């Protein structure tokens, strides 16, 4: 009976380790596949999105700062002329 239990536990251990080995092999194959065939569209969009966001922010600042400055000047002119 003892040998039967040991054999069963050994079988379960081998089954688990083989499943882990298969999972590791699948993971390595997936990684290798991703490395050999990257999704260029996603990386291109990410790179251009990051590169374009800086000029976009600067453009909005270049547009908004004069508008805000002009609004501030008009506001002070109206407030000062009121007194």
PDB file of N, CA and C in Angstrom:
ATOM      1  N   UNK A   1       0.825  -1.196   0.000  1.00  0.00           N
ATOM      2  CA  UNK A   1       0.000   0.000   0.000  1.00  0.00           C
ATOM      3  C   UNK A   1       0.866   1.256   0.000  1.00  0.00           C
ATOM      4  N   UNK A   2       1.933   1.223   0.786  1.00  0.00           N
ATOM      5  CA  UNK A   2       2.854   2.362   0.862  1.00  0.00           C
ATOM      6  C   UNK A   2       3.485   2.638  -0.496  1.00  0.00           C
ATOM      7  N   UNK A   3       3.899   1.579  -1.175  1.00  0.00           N
ATOM      8  CA  UNK A   3       4.523   1.757  -2.486  1.00  0.00           C
ATOM      9  C   UNK A   3       3.514   2.282  -3.502  1.00  0.00           C
ATOM     10  N   UNK A   4       2.275   1.851  -3.366  1.00  0.00           N
ATOM     11  CA  UNK A   4       1.235   2.323  -4.272  1.00  0.00           C
ATOM     12  C   UNK A   4       1.002   3.822  -4.085  1.00  0.00           C
ATOM     13  N   UNK A   5       0.977   4.274  -2.811  1.00  0.00           N
ATOM     14  CA  UNK A   5       0.813   5.701  -2.541  1.00  0.00           C
ATOM     15  C   UNK A   5       2.009   6.491  -3.063  1.00  0.00           C
ATOM     16  N   UNK A   6       3.196   5.983  -2.842  1.00  0.00           N
ATOM     17  CA  UNK A   6       4.392   6.667  -3.337  1.00  0.00           C
ATOM     18  C   UNK A   6       4.370   6.751  -4.858  1.00  0.00           C
ATOM     19  N   UNK A   7       3.949   5.664  -5.496  1.00  0.00           N
ATOM     20  CA  UNK A   7       3.874   5.670  -6.954  1.00  0.00           C
ATOM     21  C   UNK A   7       2.835   6.679  -7.426  1.00  0.00           C
ATOM     22  N   UNK A   8       1.698   6.741  -6.711  1.00  0.00           N
ATOM     23  CA  UNK A   8       0.652   7.686  -7.094  1.00  0.00           C
ATOM     24  C   UNK A   8       1.139   9.124  -6.924  1.00  0.00           C
ATOM     25  N   UNK A   9       1.767   9.423  -5.776  1.00  0.00           N
ATOM     26  CA  UNK A   9       2.281  10.770  -5.553  1.00  0.00           C
ATOM     27  C   UNK A   9       3.375  11.113  -6.556  1.00  0.00           C
ATOM     28  N   UNK A  10       4.199  10.131  -6.883  1.00  0.00           N
ATOM     29  CA  UNK A  10       5.220  10.359  -7.899  1.00  0.00           C
ATOM     30  C   UNK A  10       4.598  10.652  -9.247  1.00  0.00           C
ATOM     31  N   UNK A  11       3.523   9.916  -9.569  1.00  0.00           N
ATOM     32  CA  UNK A  11       2.818  10.148 -10.827  1.00  0.00           C
ATOM     33  C   UNK A  11       2.200  11.541 -10.847  1.00  0.00           C
ATOM     34  N   UNK A  12       1.560  11.942  -9.740  1.00  0.00           N
ATOM     35  CA  UNK A  12       0.957  13.275  -9.660  1.00  0.00           C
ATOM     36  C   UNK A  12       2.026  14.357  -9.789  1.00  0.00           C
ATOM     37  N   UNK A  13       3.164  14.145  -9.140  1.00  0.00           N
ATOM     38  CA  UNK A  13       4.252  15.113  -9.214  1.00  0.00           C
ATOM     39  C   UNK A  13       4.762  15.236 -10.639  1.00  0.00           C
ATOM     40  N   UNK A  14       4.928  14.096 -11.315  1.00  0.00           N
ATOM     41  CA  UNK A  14       5.378  14.125 -12.704  1.00  0.00           C
ATOM     42  C   UNK A  14       4.347  14.804 -13.595  1.00  0.00           C
ATOM     43  N   UNK A  15       3.072  14.534 -13.327  1.00  0.00           N
ATOM     44  CA  UNK A  15       2.006  15.132 -14.125  1.00  0.00           C
ATOM     45  C   UNK A  15       2.013  16.654 -13.950  1.00  0.00           C
ATOM     46  N   UNK A  16       2.173  17.101 -12.694  1.00  0.00           N
ATOM     47  CA  UNK A  16       2.214  18.536 -12.435  1.00  0.00           C
ATOM     48  C   UNK A  16       3.444  19.168 -13.070  1.00  0.00           C
ATOM     49  N   UNK A  17       4.589  18.527 -12.909  1.00  0.00           N
ATOM     50  CA  UNK A  17       5.805  19.109 -13.463  1.00  0.00           C
ATOM     51  C   UNK A  17       5.749  19.111 -14.990  1.00  0.00           C
ATOM     52  N   UNK A  18       5.127  18.087 -15.594  1.00  0.00           N
ATOM     53  CA  UNK A  18       4.995  18.067 -17.045  1.00  0.00           C
ATOM     54  C   UNK A  18       4.046  19.171 -17.506  1.00  0.00           C
ATOM     55  N   UNK A  19       2.975  19.410 -16.742  1.00  0.00           N
ATOM     56  CA  UNK A  19       2.053  20.494 -17.082  1.00  0.00           C
ATOM     57  C   UNK A  19       2.761  21.842 -16.959  1.00  0.00           C
ATOM     58  N   UNK A  20       3.581  21.996 -15.918  1.00  0.00           N
ATOM     59  CA  UNK A  20       4.350  23.228 -15.776  1.00  0.00           C
ATOM     60  C   UNK A  20       5.335  23.384 -16.923  1.00  0.00           C
ATOM     61  N   UNK A  21       5.952  22.285 -17.312  1.00  0.00           N
ATOM     62  CA  UNK A  21       6.884  22.310 -18.440  1.00  0.00           C
ATOM     63  C   UNK A  21       6.160  22.713 -19.720  1.00  0.00           C
ATOM     64  N   UNK A  22       4.969  22.148 -19.943  1.00  0.00           N
ATOM     65  CA  UNK A  22       4.208  22.504 -21.136  1.00  0.00           C
ATOM     66  C   UNK A  22       3.803  23.972 -21.111  1.00  0.00           C
ATOM     67  N   UNK A  23       3.372  24.464 -19.952  1.00  0.00           N
ATOM     68  CA  UNK A  23       3.001  25.877 -19.838  1.00  0.00           C
ATOM     69  C   UNK A  23       4.196  26.774 -20.114  1.00  0.00           C
ATOM     70  N   UNK A  24       5.350  26.387 -19.591  1.00  0.00           N
ATOM     71  CA  UNK A  24       6.566  27.167 -19.828  1.00  0.00           C
ATOM     72  C   UNK A  24       6.929  27.162 -21.308  1.00  0.00           C
ATOM     73  N   UNK A  25       6.786  26.011 -21.949  1.00  0.00           N
ATOM     74  CA  UNK A  25       7.077  25.925 -23.382  1.00  0.00           C
ATOM     75  C   UNK A  25       6.116  26.798 -24.188  1.00  0.00           C
ATOM     76  N   UNK A  26       4.835  26.772 -23.833  1.00  0.00           N
ATOM     77  CA  UNK A  26       3.852  27.610 -24.526  1.00  0.00           C
ATOM     78  C   UNK A  26       4.171  29.083 -24.334  1.00  0.00           C
ATOM     79  N   UNK A  27       4.570  29.438 -23.117  1.00  0.00           N
ATOM     80  CA  UNK A  27       4.915  30.826 -22.838  1.00  0.00           C
ATOM     81  C   UNK A  27       6.129  31.256 -23.657  1.00  0.00           C
ATOM     82  N   UNK A  28       7.136  30.392 -23.722  1.00  0.00           N
ATOM     83  CA  UNK A  28       8.331  30.711 -24.502  1.00  0.00           C
ATOM     84  C   UNK A  28       7.999  30.830 -25.987  1.00  0.00           C
ATOM     85  N   UNK A  29       7.131  29.951 -26.488  1.00  0.00           N
ATOM     86  CA  UNK A  29       6.732  30.035 -27.892  1.00  0.00           C
ATOM     87  C   UNK A  29       5.979  31.329 -28.168  1.00  0.00           C
ATOM     88  N   UNK A  30       5.104  31.734 -27.256  1.00  0.00           N
ATOM     89  CA  UNK A  30       4.354  32.975 -27.429  1.00  0.00           C
ATOM     90  C   UNK A  30       5.295  34.180 -27.422  1.00  0.00           C
ATOM     91  N   UNK A  31       6.257  34.169 -26.496  1.00  0.00           N
ATOM     92  CA  UNK A  31       7.224  35.266 -26.434  1.00  0.00           C
ATOM     93  C   UNK A  31       8.051  35.320 -27.708  1.00  0.00           C
ATOM     94  N   UNK A  32       8.488  34.151 -28.177  1.00  0.00           N
ATOM     95  CA  UNK A  32       9.279  34.095 -29.403  1.00  0.00           C
ATOM     96  C   UNK A  32       8.462  34.586 -30.596  1.00  0.00           C
ATOM     97  N   UNK A  33       7.196  34.212 -30.642  1.00  0.00           N
ATOM     98  CA  UNK A  33       6.328  34.642 -31.738  1.00  0.00           C
ATOM     99  C   UNK A  33       6.139  36.156 -31.706  1.00  0.00           C
ATOM    100  N   UNK A  34       5.939  36.717 -30.514  1.00  0.00           N
ATOM    101  CA  UNK A  34       5.767  38.162 -30.393  1.00  0.00           C
ATOM    102  C   UNK A  34       7.040  38.900 -30.776  1.00  0.00           C
ATOM    103  N   UNK A  35       8.178  38.347 -30.427  1.00  0.00           N
ATOM    104  CA  UNK A  35       9.441  38.999 -30.778  1.00  0.00           C
ATOM    105  C   UNK A  35       9.707  38.934 -32.272  1.00  0.00           C
ATOM    106  N   UNK A  36       9.320  37.827 -32.902  1.00  0.00           N
ATOM    107  CA  UNK A  36       9.588  37.688 -34.329  1.00  0.00           C
ATOM    108  C   UNK A  36       8.572  38.443 -35.174  1.00  0.00           C
ATOM    109  N   UNK A  37       7.394  38.702 -34.642  1.00  0.00           N
ATOM    110  CA  UNK A  37       6.355  39.376 -35.410  1.00  0.00           C
ATOM    111  C   UNK A  37       5.696  40.446 -34.535  1.00  0.00           C
ATOM    112  N   UNK A  38       6.362  41.569 -34.317  1.00  0.00           N
ATOM    113  CA  UNK A  38       5.771  42.584 -33.448  1.00  0.00           C
ATOM    114  C   UNK A  38       4.615  43.296 -34.148  1.00  0.00           C
ATOM    115  N   UNK A  39       3.747  43.846 -33.352  1.00  0.00           N
ATOM    116  CA  UNK A  39       2.627  44.602 -33.887  1.00  0.00           C
ATOM    117  C   UNK A  39       3.100  46.032 -34.127  1.00  0.00           C
ATOM    118  N   UNK A  40       3.536  46.292 -35.346  1.00  0.00           N
ATOM    119  CA  UNK A  40       4.130  47.596 -35.654  1.00  0.00           C
ATOM    120  C   UNK A  40       3.099  48.708 -35.601  1.00  0.00           C
ATOM    121  N   UNK A  41       1.850  48.408 -35.907  1.00  0.00           N
ATOM    122  CA  UNK A  41       0.847  49.474 -35.893  1.00  0.00           C
ATOM    123  C   UNK A  41       0.661  50.016 -34.486  1.00  0.00           C
ATOM    124  N   UNK A  42       0.619  49.123 -33.513  1.00  0.00           N
ATOM    125  CA  UNK A  42       0.432  49.582 -32.144  1.00  0.00           C
ATOM    126  C   UNK A  42       1.631  50.402 -31.680  1.00  0.00           C
ATOM    127  N   UNK A  43       2.830  49.912 -31.943  1.00  0.00           N
ATOM    128  CA  UNK A  43       4.004  50.662 -31.505  1.00  0.00           C
ATOM    129  C   UNK A  43       4.107  51.981 -32.258  1.00  0.00           C
ATOM    130  N   UNK A  44       3.745  51.989 -33.542  1.00  0.00           N
ATOM    131  CA  UNK A  44       3.792  53.235 -34.313  1.00  0.00           C
ATOM    132  C   UNK A  44       2.810  54.249 -33.741  1.00  0.00           C
ATOM    133  N   UNK A  45       1.603  53.789 -33.425  1.00  0.00           N
ATOM    134  CA  UNK A  45       0.616  54.703 -32.862  1.00  0.00           C
ATOM    135  C   UNK A  45       1.044  55.206 -31.492  1.00  0.00           C
ATOM    136  N   UNK A  46       1.631  54.310 -30.699  1.00  0.00           N
ATOM    137  CA  UNK A  46       2.083  54.746 -29.379  1.00  0.00           C
ATOM    138  C   UNK A  46       3.199  55.770 -29.506  1.00  0.00           C
ATOM    139  N   UNK A  47       4.149  55.499 -30.393  1.00  0.00           N
ATOM    140  CA  UNK A  47       5.275  56.419 -30.543  1.00  0.00           C
ATOM    141  C   UNK A  47       4.821  57.756 -31.103  1.00  0.00           C
ATOM    142  N   UNK A  48       3.992  57.731 -32.140  1.00  0.00           N
ATOM    143  CA  UNK A  48       3.544  58.994 -32.720  1.00  0.00           C
ATOM    144  C   UNK A  48       2.620  59.723 -31.766  1.00  0.00           C
ATOM    145  N   UNK A  49       1.823  58.981 -31.008  1.00  0.00           N
ATOM    146  CA  UNK A  49       0.960  59.631 -30.032  1.00  0.00           C
ATOM    147  C   UNK A  49       1.767  60.348 -28.968  1.00  0.00           C
ATOM    148  N   UNK A  50       2.829  59.705 -28.500  1.00  0.00           N
ATOM    149  CA  UNK A  50       3.681  60.340 -27.495  1.00  0.00           C
ATOM    150  C   UNK A  50       4.443  61.510 -28.101  1.00  0.00           C
ATOM    151  N   UNK A  51       4.872  61.357 -29.359  1.00  0.00           N
ATOM    152  CA  UNK A  51       5.647  62.421 -29.989  1.00  0.00           C
ATOM    153  C   UNK A  51       4.764  63.604 -30.360  1.00  0.00           C
ATOM    154  N   UNK A  52       3.513  63.337 -30.719  1.00  0.00           N
ATOM    155  CA  UNK A  52       2.626  64.419 -31.138  1.00  0.00           C
ATOM    156  C   UNK A  52       1.955  65.119 -29.971  1.00  0.00           C
ATOM    157  N   UNK A  53       1.919  64.494 -28.811  1.00  0.00           N
ATOM    158  CA  UNK A  53       1.226  65.121 -27.696  1.00  0.00           C
ATOM    159  C   UNK A  53       1.970  66.359 -27.193  1.00  0.00           C
ATOM    160  N   UNK A  54       3.287  66.358 -27.274  1.00  0.00           N
ATOM    161  CA  UNK A  54       4.065  67.513 -26.804  1.00  0.00           C
ATOM    162  C   UNK A  54       3.813  68.739 -27.684  1.00  0.00           C
ATOM    163  N   UNK A  55       3.943  68.643 -29.021  1.00  0.00           N
ATOM    164  CA  UNK A  55       3.618  69.814 -29.837  1.00  0.00           C
ATOM    165  C   UNK A  55       2.153  70.225 -29.723  1.00  0.00           C
ATOM    166  N   UNK A  56       1.269  69.259 -29.499  1.00  0.00           N
ATOM    167  CA  UNK A  56      -0.141  69.592 -29.349  1.00  0.00           C
ATOM    168  C   UNK A  56      -0.356  70.446 -28.105  1.00  0.00           C
ATOM    169  N   UNK A  57       0.263  70.062 -27.007  1.00  0.00           N
ATOM    170  CA  UNK A  57       0.145  70.842 -25.768  1.00  0.00           C
ATOM    171  C   UNK A  57       0.780  72.213 -25.946  1.00  0.00           C
ATOM    172  N   UNK A  58       1.943  72.243 -26.579  1.00  0.00           N
ATOM    173  CA  UNK A  58       2.596  73.537 -26.803  1.00  0.00           C
ATOM    174  C   UNK A  58       1.764  74.419 -27.724  1.00  0.00           C
ATOM    175  N   UNK A  59       1.134  73.823 -28.712  1.00  0.00           N
ATOM    176  CA  UNK A  59       0.272  74.591 -29.613  1.00  0.00           C
ATOM    177  C   UNK A  59      -0.918  75.180 -28.885  1.00  0.00           C
ATOM    178  N   UNK A  60      -1.546  74.392 -28.027  1.00  0.00           N
ATOM    179  CA  UNK A  60      -2.666  74.911 -27.255  1.00  0.00           C
ATOM    180  C   UNK A  60      -2.215  76.019 -26.308  1.00  0.00           C
ATOM    181  N   UNK A  61      -1.039  75.836 -25.709  1.00  0.00           N
ATOM    182  CA  UNK A  61      -0.526  76.899 -24.839  1.00  0.00           C
ATOM    183  C   UNK A  61      -0.242  78.161 -25.630  1.00  0.00           C
ATOM    184  N   UNK A  62       0.336  78.007 -26.813  1.00  0.00           N
ATOM    185  CA  UNK A  62       0.632  79.172 -27.651  1.00  0.00           C
ATOM    186  C   UNK A  62      -0.655  79.873 -28.072  1.00  0.00           C
ATOM    187  N   UNK A  63      -1.735  79.125 -28.203  1.00  0.00           N
ATOM    188  CA  UNK A  63      -3.017  79.734 -28.558  1.00  0.00           C
ATOM    189  C   UNK A  63      -3.704  80.341 -27.336  1.00  0.00           C
ATOM    190  N   UNK A  64      -3.676  79.629 -26.218  1.00  0.00           N
ATOM    191  CA  UNK A  64      -4.440  80.061 -25.054  1.00  0.00           C
ATOM    192  C   UNK A  64      -3.771  81.176 -24.258  1.00  0.00           C
ATOM    193  N   UNK A  65      -2.457  81.176 -24.199  1.00  0.00           N
ATOM    194  CA  UNK A  65      -1.790  82.210 -23.403  1.00  0.00           C
ATOM    195  C   UNK A  65      -2.071  83.623 -23.912  1.00  0.00           C
ATOM    196  N   UNK A  66      -1.966  83.897 -25.209  1.00  0.00           N
ATOM    197  CA  UNK A  66      -2.330  85.253 -25.662  1.00  0.00           C
ATOM    198  C   UNK A  66      -3.807  85.579 -25.428  1.00  0.00           C
ATOM    199  N   UNK A  67      -4.677  84.600 -25.606  1.00  0.00           N
ATOM    200  CA  UNK A  67      -6.103  84.838 -25.366  1.00  0.00           C
ATOM    201  C   UNK A  67      -6.331  85.179 -23.898  1.00  0.00           C
ATOM    202  N   UNK A  68      -5.709  84.415 -23.007  1.00  0.00           N
ATOM    203  CA  UNK A  68      -5.863  84.694 -21.580  1.00  0.00           C
ATOM    204  C   UNK A  68      -5.232  86.031 -21.199  1.00  0.00           C
ATOM    205  N   UNK A  69      -4.095  86.312 -21.780  1.00  0.00           N
ATOM    206  CA  UNK A  69      -3.433  87.586 -21.496  1.00  0.00           C
ATOM    207  C   UNK A  69      -4.285  88.757 -21.973  1.00  0.00           C
ATOM    208  N   UNK A  70      -4.835  88.636 -23.170  1.00  0.00           N
ATOM    209  CA  UNK A  70      -5.704  89.683 -23.702  1.00  0.00           C
ATOM    210  C   UNK A  70      -6.950  89.831 -22.834  1.00  0.00           C
ATOM    211  N   UNK A  71      -7.523  88.726 -22.395  1.00  0.00           N
ATOM    212  CA  UNK A  71      -8.701  88.775 -21.532  1.00  0.00           C
ATOM    213  C   UNK A  71      -8.368  89.456 -20.209  1.00  0.00           C
ATOM    214  N   UNK A  72      -7.194  89.181 -19.678  1.00  0.00           N
ATOM    215  CA  UNK A  72      -6.769  89.810 -18.431  1.00  0.00           C
ATOM    216  C   UNK A  72      -6.599  91.317 -18.607  1.00  0.00           C
ATOM    217  N   UNK A  73      -5.996  91.719 -19.711  1.00  0.00           N
ATOM    218  CA  UNK A  73      -5.801  93.150 -19.982  1.00  0.00           C
ATOM    219  C   UNK A  73      -7.153  93.845 -20.125  1.00  0.00           C
ATOM    220  N   UNK A  74      -8.066  93.240 -20.861  1.00  0.00           N
ATOM    221  CA  UNK A  74      -9.400  93.836 -21.034  1.00  0.00           C
ATOM    222  C   UNK A  74     -10.120  93.899 -19.695  1.00  0.00           C
ATOM    223  N   UNK A  75     -10.005  92.856 -18.895  1.00  0.00           N
ATOM    224  CA  UNK A  75     -10.651  92.844 -17.588  1.00  0.00           C
ATOM    225  C   UNK A  75     -10.122  93.975 -16.712  1.00  0.00           C
ATOM    226  N   UNK A  76      -8.793  94.132 -16.655  1.00  0.00           N
ATOM    227  CA  UNK A  76      -8.223  95.214 -15.848  1.00  0.00           C
ATOM    228  C   UNK A  76      -8.601  96.578 -16.399  1.00  0.00           C
ATOM    229  N   UNK A  77      -8.654  96.717 -17.714  1.00  0.00           N
ATOM    230  CA  UNK A  77      -9.042  98.000 -18.306  1.00  0.00           C
ATOM    231  C   UNK A  77     -10.485  98.342 -17.937  1.00  0.00           C
ATOM    232  N   UNK A  78     -11.349  97.366 -17.954  1.00  0.00           N
ATOM    233  CA  UNK A  78     -12.751  97.613 -17.595  1.00  0.00           C
ATOM    234  C   UNK A  78     -12.865  97.919 -16.108  1.00  0.00           C
ATOM    235  N   UNK A  79     -12.140  97.174 -15.278  1.00  0.00           N
ATOM    236  CA  UNK A  79     -12.218  97.394 -13.833  1.00  0.00           C
ATOM    237  C   UNK A  79     -11.623  98.749 -13.469  1.00  0.00           C
ATOM    238  N   UNK A  80     -10.475  99.099 -14.062  1.00  0.00           N
ATOM    239  CA  UNK A  80      -9.825 100.376 -13.739  1.00  0.00           C
ATOM    240  C   UNK A  80     -10.667 101.544 -14.253  1.00  0.00           C
ATOM    241  N   UNK A  81     -11.247 101.396 -15.446  1.00  0.00           N
ATOM    242  CA  UNK A  81     -12.059 102.494 -15.984  1.00  0.00           C
ATOM    243  C   UNK A  81     -13.367 102.642 -15.206  1.00  0.00           C
ATOM    244  N   UNK A  82     -13.794 101.614 -14.525  1.00  0.00           N
ATOM    245  CA  UNK A  82     -15.025 101.705 -13.744  1.00  0.00           C
ATOM    246  C   UNK A  82     -14.812 102.532 -12.482  1.00  0.00           C
ATOM    247  N   UNK A  83     -13.576 102.566 -11.988  1.00  0.00           N
ATOM    248  CA  UNK A  83     -13.313 103.331 -10.754  1.00  0.00           C
ATOM    249  C   UNK A  83     -12.768 104.676 -11.025  1.00  0.00           C
TER     250      UNK A  83
END
